[in-house]
C-alpha atoms as a PDB file:
ATOM      1  CA  MET A   1      41.569   3.557  69.850  1.00  0.00           C
ATOM      2  CA  ALA A   2      38.208   1.950  69.528  1.00  0.00           C
ATOM      3  CA  THR A   3      35.307   3.954  68.209  1.00  0.00           C
ATOM      4  CA  ASP A   4      31.619   3.262  68.435  1.00  0.00           C
ATOM      5  CA  PRO A   5      30.280   1.784  65.199  1.00  0.00           C
ATOM      6  CA  ASP A   6      27.969   3.977  63.217  1.00  0.00           C
ATOM      7  CA  PRO A   7      24.343   3.608  64.361  1.00  0.00           C
ATOM      8  CA  MET A   8      23.284   2.851  60.776  1.00  0.00           C
ATOM      9  CA  ILE A   9      25.689  -0.100  60.577  1.00  0.00           C
ATOM     10  CA  ARG A  10      24.357  -1.407  63.881  1.00  0.00           C
ATOM     11  CA  ARG A  11      20.783  -1.345  62.525  1.00  0.00           C
ATOM     12  CA  VAL A  12      21.762  -3.188  59.314  1.00  0.00           C
ATOM     13  CA  VAL A  13      23.662  -5.859  61.226  1.00  0.00           C
ATOM     14  CA  GLY A  14      20.727  -6.274  63.617  1.00  0.00           C
ATOM     15  CA  THR A  15      18.252  -6.638  60.729  1.00  0.00           C
ATOM     16  CA  LEU A  16      20.414  -9.258  59.044  1.00  0.00           C
ATOM     17  CA  ARG A  17      20.728 -11.279  62.294  1.00  0.00           C
ATOM     18  CA  ASP A  18      16.922 -11.215  62.724  1.00  0.00           C
ATOM     19  CA  ALA A  19      16.187 -12.191  59.063  1.00  0.00           C
ATOM     20  CA  PRO A  20      14.682 -15.635  58.485  1.00  0.00           C
ATOM     21  CA  GLU A  21      16.934 -18.341  57.149  1.00  0.00           C
ATOM     22  CA  VAL A  22      17.136 -18.731  53.382  1.00  0.00           C
ATOM     23  CA  ASP A  23      15.744 -21.984  52.021  1.00  0.00           C
ATOM     24  CA  PRO A  24      18.771 -24.189  51.319  1.00  0.00           C
ATOM     25  CA  ASP A  25      17.068 -25.591  48.186  1.00  0.00           C
ATOM     26  CA  LEU A  26      16.569 -22.088  46.666  1.00  0.00           C
ATOM     27  CA  THR A  27      19.810 -22.176  44.662  1.00  0.00           C
ATOM     28  CA  GLY A  28      18.919 -25.525  43.098  1.00  0.00           C
ATOM     29  CA  ARG A  29      15.439 -24.347  42.092  1.00  0.00           C
ATOM     30  CA  VAL A  30      16.780 -21.140  40.525  1.00  0.00           C
ATOM     31  CA  MET A  31      19.441 -23.030  38.539  1.00  0.00           C
ATOM     32  CA  THR A  32      16.819 -25.511  37.280  1.00  0.00           C
ATOM     33  CA  GLN A  33      14.688 -22.620  36.020  1.00  0.00           C
ATOM     34  CA  ILE A  34      17.686 -21.084  34.252  1.00  0.00           C
ATOM     35  CA  ARG A  35      18.643 -24.387  32.587  1.00  0.00           C
ATOM     36  CA  THR A  36      15.099 -25.065  31.303  1.00  0.00           C
ATOM     37  CA  ALA A  37      14.433 -21.524  30.063  1.00  0.00           C
ATOM     38  CA  PRO A  38      14.472 -21.016  26.257  1.00  0.00           C
ATOM     39  CA  ARG A  39      17.935 -20.175  24.990  1.00  0.00           C
ATOM     40  CA  SER A  40      16.772 -17.502  22.560  1.00  0.00           C
ATOM     41  CA  TRP A  41      15.041 -14.272  23.446  1.00  0.00           C
ATOM     42  CA  TRP A  42      12.935 -14.724  20.280  1.00  0.00           C
ATOM     43  CA  LEU A  43      11.597 -18.061  21.500  1.00  0.00           C
ATOM     44  CA  ALA A  44      10.642 -16.912  24.969  1.00  0.00           C
ATOM     45  CA  PRO A  45       6.883 -16.584  25.535  1.00  0.00           C
ATOM     46  CA  ARG A  46       5.670 -13.006  25.779  1.00  0.00           C
ATOM     47  CA  THR A  47       2.478 -11.334  26.842  1.00  0.00           C
ATOM     48  CA  LEU A  48       1.304  -8.677  24.407  1.00  0.00           C
ATOM     49  CA  TRP A  49      -0.840  -5.889  25.781  1.00  0.00           C
ATOM     50  CA  LEU A  50      -2.784  -3.868  23.224  1.00  0.00           C
ATOM     51  CA  THR A  51      -5.015  -0.960  24.026  1.00  0.00           C
ATOM     52  CA  PRO A  52      -8.060  -0.232  21.867  1.00  0.00           C
ATOM     53  CA  LEU A  53      -6.062   2.620  20.326  1.00  0.00           C
ATOM     54  CA  HIS A  54      -3.333   0.156  19.264  1.00  0.00           C
ATOM     55  CA  LEU A  55      -5.958  -2.137  17.732  1.00  0.00           C
ATOM     56  CA  LEU A  56      -7.467   0.809  15.860  1.00  0.00           C
ATOM     57  CA  GLY A  57      -4.030   1.685  14.485  1.00  0.00           C
ATOM     58  CA  VAL A  58      -3.503  -1.900  13.308  1.00  0.00           C
ATOM     59  CA  ALA A  59      -6.958  -1.926  11.669  1.00  0.00           C
ATOM     60  CA  VAL A  60      -6.260   1.363   9.871  1.00  0.00           C
ATOM     61  CA  GLY A  61      -2.905   0.043   8.664  1.00  0.00           C
ATOM     62  CA  VAL A  62      -4.503  -3.107   7.271  1.00  0.00           C
ATOM     63  CA  ALA A  63      -7.243  -1.040   5.603  1.00  0.00           C
ATOM     64  CA  VAL A  64      -4.629   1.212   3.959  1.00  0.00           C
ATOM     65  CA  LEU A  65      -2.718  -1.800   2.632  1.00  0.00           C
ATOM     66  CA  VAL A  66      -5.880  -3.445   1.276  1.00  0.00           C
ATOM     67  CA  THR A  67      -6.998  -0.185  -0.362  1.00  0.00           C
ATOM     68  CA  ALA A  68      -3.565   0.363  -1.907  1.00  0.00           C
ATOM     69  CA  ALA A  69      -3.560  -3.175  -3.291  1.00  0.00           C
ATOM     70  CA  TRP A  70      -7.076  -2.698  -4.652  1.00  0.00           C
ATOM     71  CA  PHE A  71      -6.168   0.570  -6.382  1.00  0.00           C
ATOM     72  CA  ALA A  72      -2.988  -0.986  -7.753  1.00  0.00           C
ATOM     73  CA  GLY A  73      -5.253  -3.461  -9.526  1.00  0.00           C
ATOM     74  CA  ALA A  74      -7.445  -0.611 -10.780  1.00  0.00           C
ATOM     75  CA  ARG A  75      -4.562   1.516 -12.028  1.00  0.00           C
ATOM     76  CA  THR A  76      -5.391   3.747 -14.874  1.00  0.00           C
ATOM     77  CA  GLY A  77      -3.734   3.330 -18.155  1.00  0.00           C
ATOM     78  CA  ALA A  78      -3.793   1.842 -21.553  1.00  0.00           C
ATOM     79  CA  GLY A  79      -1.863  -1.166 -22.518  1.00  0.00           C
ATOM     80  CA  THR A  80      -3.735  -4.208 -21.271  1.00  0.00           C
ATOM     81  CA  ASP A  81      -3.556  -6.235 -24.443  1.00  0.00           C
ATOM     82  CA  LEU A  82      -6.675  -8.200 -25.250  1.00  0.00           C
ATOM     83  CA  PRO A  83      -6.930 -10.583 -28.185  1.00  0.00           C
ATOM     84  CA  SER A  84      -6.413  -8.758 -31.459  1.00  0.00           C
ATOM     85  CA  ASP A  85      -8.419  -9.174 -34.621  1.00  0.00           C
ATOM     86  CA  GLY A  86      -6.156  -9.246 -37.677  1.00  0.00           C
ATOM     87  CA  ALA A  87      -3.837  -6.260 -37.942  1.00  0.00           C
ATOM     88  CA  ARG A  88      -5.779  -4.332 -35.322  1.00  0.00           C
ATOM     89  CA  GLN A  89      -5.301  -4.829 -31.601  1.00  0.00           C
ATOM     90  CA  VAL A  90      -7.835  -4.371 -28.805  1.00  0.00           C
ATOM     91  CA  VAL A  91      -6.489  -2.120 -26.048  1.00  0.00           C
ATOM     92  CA  GLN A  92      -8.254  -1.583 -22.742  1.00  0.00           C
ATOM     93  CA  PHE A  93      -8.153   1.948 -21.306  1.00  0.00           C
ATOM     94  CA  HIS A  94      -8.809   2.657 -17.602  1.00  0.00           C
ATOM     95  CA  LEU A  95      -9.192   5.821 -15.569  1.00  0.00           C
ATOM     96  CA  VAL A  96      -9.788   6.183 -11.840  1.00  0.00           C
ATOM     97  CA  ALA A  97     -12.111   9.174 -11.490  1.00  0.00           C
ATOM     98  CA  PRO A  98     -14.378   8.678  -8.455  1.00  0.00           C
ATOM     99  CA  ASP A  99     -16.057  12.098  -8.721  1.00  0.00           C
ATOM    100  CA  ALA A 100     -16.768  11.924 -12.464  1.00  0.00           C
ATOM    101  CA  ASN A 101     -20.275  11.735 -13.907  1.00  0.00           C
ATOM    102  CA  SER A 102     -18.968  10.840 -17.370  1.00  0.00           C
ATOM    103  CA  VAL A 103     -15.628  10.028 -18.972  1.00  0.00           C
ATOM    104  CA  VAL A 104     -14.834   9.810 -22.672  1.00  0.00           C
ATOM    105  CA  LEU A 105     -11.703   8.784 -24.525  1.00  0.00           C
ATOM    106  CA  VAL A 106     -10.557  11.060 -27.327  1.00  0.00           C
ATOM    107  CA  GLY A 107      -7.601  10.648 -29.618  1.00  0.00           C
ATOM    108  CA  ASP A 108      -6.303  10.678 -33.136  1.00  0.00           C
ATOM    109  CA  PHE A 109      -8.015   7.300 -33.676  1.00  0.00           C
ATOM    110  CA  ASN A 110     -11.494   8.905 -33.311  1.00  0.00           C
ATOM    111  CA  ASP A 111     -10.660  12.422 -34.581  1.00  0.00           C
ATOM    112  CA  TRP A 112     -10.755  13.749 -30.984  1.00  0.00           C
ATOM    113  CA  GLU A 113     -14.563  13.597 -31.051  1.00  0.00           C
ATOM    114  CA  LEU A 114     -16.069  13.944 -27.572  1.00  0.00           C
ATOM    115  CA  GLY A 115     -18.960  11.514 -28.020  1.00  0.00           C
ATOM    116  CA  ALA A 116     -17.196   8.811 -30.023  1.00  0.00           C
ATOM    117  CA  THR A 117     -15.678   6.625 -27.275  1.00  0.00           C
ATOM    118  CA  PRO A 118     -17.400   6.870 -23.866  1.00  0.00           C
ATOM    119  CA  LEU A 119     -15.991   4.895 -20.945  1.00  0.00           C
ATOM    120  CA  ARG A 120     -18.321   2.884 -18.705  1.00  0.00           C
ATOM    121  CA  ARG A 121     -18.155   2.346 -14.982  1.00  0.00           C
ATOM    122  CA  SER A 122     -16.432  -0.901 -14.141  1.00  0.00           C
ATOM    123  CA  GLY A 123     -17.322  -3.115 -11.188  1.00  0.00           C
ATOM    124  CA  ARG A 124     -15.015  -1.054  -8.968  1.00  0.00           C
ATOM    125  CA  PRO A 125     -16.203   2.288  -7.583  1.00  0.00           C
ATOM    126  CA  GLY A 126     -14.680   5.234  -9.413  1.00  0.00           C
ATOM    127  CA  VAL A 127     -13.030   3.138 -12.134  1.00  0.00           C
ATOM    128  CA  TRP A 128     -13.990   3.809 -15.766  1.00  0.00           C
ATOM    129  CA  THR A 129     -13.017   1.519 -18.653  1.00  0.00           C
ATOM    130  CA  VAL A 130     -13.388   0.970 -22.410  1.00  0.00           C
ATOM    131  CA  ASP A 131     -11.944  -1.481 -24.967  1.00  0.00           C
ATOM    132  CA  VAL A 132     -10.851   0.019 -28.294  1.00  0.00           C
ATOM    133  CA  SER A 133      -9.678  -1.773 -31.442  1.00  0.00           C
ATOM    134  CA  LEU A 134      -6.652   0.139 -32.725  1.00  0.00           C
ATOM    135  CA  ALA A 135      -4.448  -0.100 -35.783  1.00  0.00           C
ATOM    136  CA  PRO A 136      -0.716  -0.588 -35.179  1.00  0.00           C
ATOM    137  CA  GLY A 137       1.288   2.586 -34.695  1.00  0.00           C
ATOM    138  CA  LEU A 138       1.589   5.559 -32.369  1.00  0.00           C
ATOM    139  CA  VAL A 139      -1.729   6.529 -30.735  1.00  0.00           C
ATOM    140  CA  LYS A 140      -2.228   9.929 -29.090  1.00  0.00           C
ATOM    141  CA  TYR A 141      -5.124  10.171 -26.621  1.00  0.00           C
ATOM    142  CA  ALA A 142      -6.590  11.893 -23.570  1.00  0.00           C
ATOM    143  CA  PHE A 143      -9.554  11.498 -21.242  1.00  0.00           C
ATOM    144  CA  VAL A 144     -12.315  14.108 -20.956  1.00  0.00           C
ATOM    145  CA  ILE A 145     -14.133  14.162 -17.624  1.00  0.00           C
ATOM    146  CA  ASP A 146     -17.680  15.564 -17.460  1.00  0.00           C
ATOM    147  CA  GLY A 147     -17.380  17.031 -20.948  1.00  0.00           C
ATOM    148  CA  ASN A 148     -14.916  19.782 -20.132  1.00  0.00           C
ATOM    149  CA  ARG A 149     -11.880  18.614 -18.120  1.00  0.00           C
ATOM    150  CA  TRP A 150      -9.172  17.137 -20.339  1.00  0.00           C
ATOM    151  CA  VAL A 151      -6.641  14.961 -18.512  1.00  0.00           C
ATOM    152  CA  THR A 152      -3.709  12.879 -19.621  1.00  0.00           C
ATOM    153  CA  ASP A 153      -3.425   9.272 -18.568  1.00  0.00           C
ATOM    154  CA  PRO A 154      -1.499   9.362 -15.262  1.00  0.00           C
ATOM    155  CA  TYR A 155      -0.073   5.908 -15.945  1.00  0.00           C
ATOM    156  CA  ALA A 156       0.824   6.348 -19.605  1.00  0.00           C
ATOM    157  CA  ALA A 157       4.391   5.567 -20.596  1.00  0.00           C
ATOM    158  CA  ALA A 158       4.787   9.110 -21.930  1.00  0.00           C
ATOM    159  CA  THR A 159       2.982  12.342 -22.703  1.00  0.00           C
ATOM    160  CA  ILE A 160       3.636  14.817 -25.480  1.00  0.00           C
ATOM    161  CA  SER A 161       2.658  18.413 -26.034  1.00  0.00           C
ATOM    162  CA  ASP A 162      -0.200  18.964 -28.432  1.00  0.00           C
ATOM    163  CA  GLU A 163      -0.600  21.829 -30.891  1.00  0.00           C
ATOM    164  CA  PHE A 164      -3.043  23.624 -28.527  1.00  0.00           C
ATOM    165  CA  GLY A 165      -0.605  24.115 -25.649  1.00  0.00           C
ATOM    166  CA  GLY A 166      -1.856  21.103 -23.690  1.00  0.00           C
ATOM    167  CA  SER A 167      -0.635  17.548 -23.340  1.00  0.00           C
ATOM    168  CA  ALA A 168      -1.729  14.187 -24.657  1.00  0.00           C
ATOM    169  CA  SER A 169      -0.760  10.677 -23.666  1.00  0.00           C
ATOM    170  CA  TYR A 170       0.550   8.270 -26.224  1.00  0.00           C
ATOM    171  CA  LEU A 171       1.239   4.609 -26.666  1.00  0.00           C
ATOM    172  CA  ARG A 172       2.587   2.384 -29.386  1.00  0.00           C
ATOM    173  CA  VAL A 173       0.216  -0.315 -30.584  1.00  0.00           C
ATOM    174  CA  GLY A 174       1.772  -3.413 -32.091  1.00  0.00           C
ATOM    175  CA  GLY A 175       5.327  -3.517 -33.407  1.00  0.00           C
ATOM    176  CA  PRO A 176       7.352  -0.661 -34.900  1.00  0.00           C
ATOM    177  CA  SER A 177       5.498   1.292 -37.558  1.00  0.00           C
END
């Protein structure tokens, strides 16, 4: 029993019969393109499309990395050894305090006197520094910002409690004492 083919099949068959002939050289051209294409996905040329928002994000990322590297160079802390004179050793102290109007270094080496060892602004904004000649041994110290805010050195190797309920930083100058 013969049935009428589906009208959809008839339309597809009719469209295929009316289609133009395929170029006989098409297969050869496609295979040539495949053979000459780069073998690795990583080596294939790409087009990169960046919107202004993407570029802004890249610029902010670069700025953050540069700023972090800059501040890493301006880290606070004692311990940069400069040439020593005799038994004493010159130690450079740093503090990053961008909002400070004044910074002083106090410690057992200057009897904790507020005016004895002021820090000066370095060439970097917000960075304060001073060089101090110290005798070998354990040195306890702190920074005083604007005459009233006592802070420990955030990059000191250690801090210890002082007899007033606060903390002080300390470092060892020279060899064992």
